[in-house]
Amino acid sequence: MNYKNFFQSKNFRRIIWGVGILIAILAVFQAGMFVGYRKAGFSYRWGDNYYRAFGEHRTGERMMGGRMMDSFRGKDFTNSNGAIGRIASVNLPILTIENTDGVEKIILIKDDTVVRRFRETVKTDSLKIGDFVVAIGAPNNSAQVEAKIIRIMPNPESFVGTSTRNK
């Protein structure tokens, strides 16, 4: 068989298509692994920093009865790209946000962070303890969220029939 005829045949085109599809599938799989690794890494670092900050130590008994067992029961990882809740402390450029479950997230405000109240862009020093905010950004290696945007929201308790905390 002639090489020129082989490279122009339908079989060669099928092989090329098959290899191309295989490469695309592997690229999508690798992208999923990358995203999962980053999310798991953030949750791991966040947990380490939480225990270091609040003085609890991970013992075998604590882990078997606590967070480790929750992960076996299908609990999801911590949301690594933002926080929703009340501002617990303001120490610019750091915000601590307590979400509705009582978990605190550290938000790092950078020079390019946009702070908005409704449609109006406001300065970072207008953030105060007790404000209800939504912060969206990207996790860093210190288990903080580097905020891209922080939106000051109306107080959800002012809406009839709603509560921000499960009782």
Protein backbone atom coordinates (compact mmCIF):
# COMPACT_ATOMS: atom_id res chain seq x y z
CA MET A 1 0.00 0.00 0.00
CA ASN A 2 1.25 3.43 -0.88
CA TYR A 3 1.74 5.98 1.94
CA LYS A 4 0.15 8.73 -0.14
CA ASN A 5 -3.02 6.68 -0.58
CA PHE A 6 -3.09 5.79 3.15
CA PHE A 7 -2.92 9.44 4.26
CA GLN A 8 -5.78 10.31 1.90
CA SER A 9 -7.98 7.36 2.86
CA LYS A 10 -11.14 7.39 4.99
CA ASN A 11 -9.49 5.12 7.55
CA PHE A 12 -6.76 7.70 8.18
CA ARG A 13 -9.36 10.44 8.66
CA ARG A 14 -11.27 8.23 11.12
CA ILE A 15 -8.09 7.59 13.07
CA ILE A 16 -7.31 11.33 13.19
CA TRP A 17 -10.90 12.11 14.34
CA GLY A 18 -10.71 9.38 16.97
CA VAL A 19 -7.40 10.67 18.32
CA GLY A 20 -8.75 14.25 18.30
CA ILE A 21 -11.87 13.25 20.24
CA LEU A 22 -9.76 11.26 22.72
CA ILE A 23 -7.51 14.29 23.29
CA ALA A 24 -10.58 16.52 23.84
CA ILE A 25 -12.05 14.07 26.35
CA LEU A 26 -8.76 13.86 28.22
CA ALA A 27 -8.49 17.68 28.28
CA VAL A 28 -11.99 18.01 29.78
CA PHE A 29 -11.17 15.32 32.36
CA GLN A 30 -7.92 17.09 33.28
CA ALA A 31 -9.74 20.43 33.64
CA GLY A 32 -12.24 18.77 36.01
CA MET A 33 -9.43 17.32 38.08
CA PHE A 34 -7.73 20.73 38.25
CA VAL A 35 -10.89 22.44 39.49
CA GLY A 36 -11.59 19.67 42.01
CA TYR A 37 -8.01 19.78 43.28
CA ARG A 38 -8.18 23.56 43.82
CA LYS A 39 -11.52 23.30 45.65
CA ALA A 40 -10.33 20.43 47.85
CA GLY A 41 -7.06 22.26 48.54
CA PHE A 42 -8.91 25.39 49.61
CA SER A 43 -11.13 23.40 51.97
CA TYR A 44 -8.12 21.65 53.44
CA ARG A 45 -6.19 24.90 54.00
CA TRP A 46 -9.29 26.62 55.36
CA GLY A 47 -9.77 23.84 57.89
CA ASP A 48 -6.13 23.99 58.99
CA ASN A 49 -6.28 27.74 59.44
CA TYR A 50 -9.60 27.47 61.31
CA TYR A 51 -8.18 25.06 63.88
CA ARG A 52 -4.98 27.08 64.18
CA ALA A 53 -6.94 30.31 64.72
CA PHE A 54 -9.42 28.96 67.25
CA GLY A 55 -7.11 26.66 69.18
CA GLU A 56 -8.80 23.33 68.47
CA HIS A 57 -6.50 20.47 67.60
CA ARG A 58 -7.37 17.64 65.30
CA THR A 59 -7.23 14.41 67.21
CA GLY A 60 -8.17 11.01 65.91
CA GLU A 61 -11.30 11.01 68.04
CA ARG A 62 -12.30 14.51 66.89
CA MET A 63 -11.78 13.64 63.26
CA MET A 64 -13.67 10.36 63.45
CA GLY A 65 -16.65 12.03 65.08
CA GLY A 66 -16.49 15.35 63.29
CA ARG A 67 -15.57 16.83 59.94
CA MET A 68 -13.90 13.73 58.51
CA MET A 69 -17.02 11.64 59.00
CA ASP A 70 -19.13 14.41 57.48
CA SER A 71 -17.12 14.10 54.28
CA PHE A 72 -17.86 10.36 54.19
CA ARG A 73 -21.56 11.12 54.56
CA GLY A 74 -21.52 13.25 51.41
CA LYS A 75 -21.13 16.73 52.87
CA ASP A 76 -19.69 19.06 50.25
CA PHE A 77 -16.49 21.04 50.40
CA THR A 78 -16.48 24.62 51.65
CA ASN A 79 -17.41 27.15 48.96
CA SER A 80 -14.04 28.56 48.02
CA ASN A 81 -15.10 31.43 45.75
CA GLY A 82 -17.04 33.69 48.05
CA ALA A 83 -19.19 34.25 51.09
CA ILE A 84 -22.68 35.43 51.91
CA GLY A 85 -23.55 36.78 55.33
CA ARG A 86 -22.98 39.47 57.92
CA ILE A 87 -19.71 41.29 58.43
CA ALA A 88 -18.35 40.09 61.78
CA SER A 89 -15.23 42.27 61.77
CA VAL A 90 -13.64 44.94 59.62
CA ASN A 91 -9.87 45.31 59.75
CA LEU A 92 -9.10 46.62 56.26
CA PRO A 93 -7.96 45.07 53.99
CA ILE A 94 -9.45 42.05 55.78
CA LEU A 95 -13.17 41.38 56.31
CA THR A 96 -14.55 38.50 58.33
CA ILE A 97 -17.96 37.39 57.13
CA GLU A 98 -20.16 35.06 59.17
CA ASN A 99 -22.52 33.13 56.92
CA THR A 100 -25.98 31.94 57.89
CA ASP A 101 -24.57 28.68 59.29
CA GLY A 102 -22.22 30.54 61.62
CA VAL A 103 -19.05 29.70 59.64
CA GLU A 104 -16.64 32.61 59.29
CA LYS A 105 -14.80 33.37 56.04
CA ILE A 106 -11.82 35.69 55.69
CA ILE A 107 -12.17 38.08 52.74
CA LEU A 108 -9.13 39.96 51.45
CA ILE A 109 -9.89 43.30 49.81
CA LYS A 110 -7.42 44.19 47.08
CA ASP A 111 -6.87 47.40 45.13
CA ASP A 112 -9.07 46.20 42.26
CA THR A 113 -11.97 45.04 44.50
CA VAL A 114 -15.25 46.75 43.63
CA VAL A 115 -17.63 47.51 46.50
CA ARG A 116 -21.22 48.27 45.54
CA ARG A 117 -24.41 49.22 47.30
CA PHE A 118 -27.23 48.66 44.83
CA ARG A 119 -25.90 50.26 41.59
CA GLU A 120 -23.62 52.72 43.32
CA THR A 121 -19.90 52.03 43.74
CA VAL A 122 -18.81 52.94 47.28
CA LYS A 123 -15.47 53.09 49.11
CA THR A 124 -14.22 50.17 51.19
CA ASP A 125 -14.37 52.24 54.38
CA SER A 126 -18.17 52.29 54.05
CA LEU A 127 -18.23 48.60 55.04
CA LYS A 128 -19.23 48.19 58.68
CA ILE A 129 -19.92 45.43 61.15
CA GLY A 130 -23.42 44.03 60.76
CA ASP A 131 -23.79 44.81 57.05
CA PHE A 132 -25.16 41.90 55.04
CA VAL A 133 -22.83 41.33 52.07
CA VAL A 134 -22.08 39.01 49.19
CA ALA A 135 -18.36 38.69 48.38
CA ILE A 136 -17.17 36.93 45.24
CA GLY A 137 -13.56 36.24 44.32
CA ALA A 138 -10.85 33.60 44.12
CA PRO A 139 -9.17 31.61 46.88
CA ASN A 140 -5.52 32.18 47.74
CA ASN A 141 -2.98 29.90 49.44
CA SER A 142 -3.79 31.34 52.88
CA ALA A 143 -7.39 30.05 52.69
CA GLN A 144 -8.70 33.57 52.18
CA VAL A 145 -10.99 34.74 49.40
CA GLU A 146 -9.43 37.55 47.36
CA ALA A 147 -12.54 39.57 46.59
CA LYS A 148 -13.27 40.80 43.08
CA ILE A 149 -16.63 42.28 44.04
CA ILE A 150 -18.40 42.91 47.33
CA ARG A 151 -22.05 43.83 47.19
CA ILE A 152 -23.76 45.35 50.23
CA MET A 153 -27.27 43.92 50.35
CA PRO A 154 -30.42 45.02 52.15
CA ASN A 155 -30.93 43.44 55.54
CA PRO A 156 -32.72 40.12 54.85
CA GLU A 157 -34.46 40.27 58.23
CA SER A 158 -36.35 43.32 57.00
CA PHE A 159 -38.21 41.10 54.53
CA VAL A 160 -41.45 39.70 55.92
CA GLY A 161 -41.26 36.03 56.95
CA THR A 162 -37.54 35.50 56.42
CA SER A 163 -34.69 34.85 58.78
CA THR A 164 -30.95 34.62 58.15
CA ARG A 165 -30.38 31.98 60.80
CA ASN A 166 -31.88 28.53 61.13
CA LYS A 167 -33.51 28.24 64.54
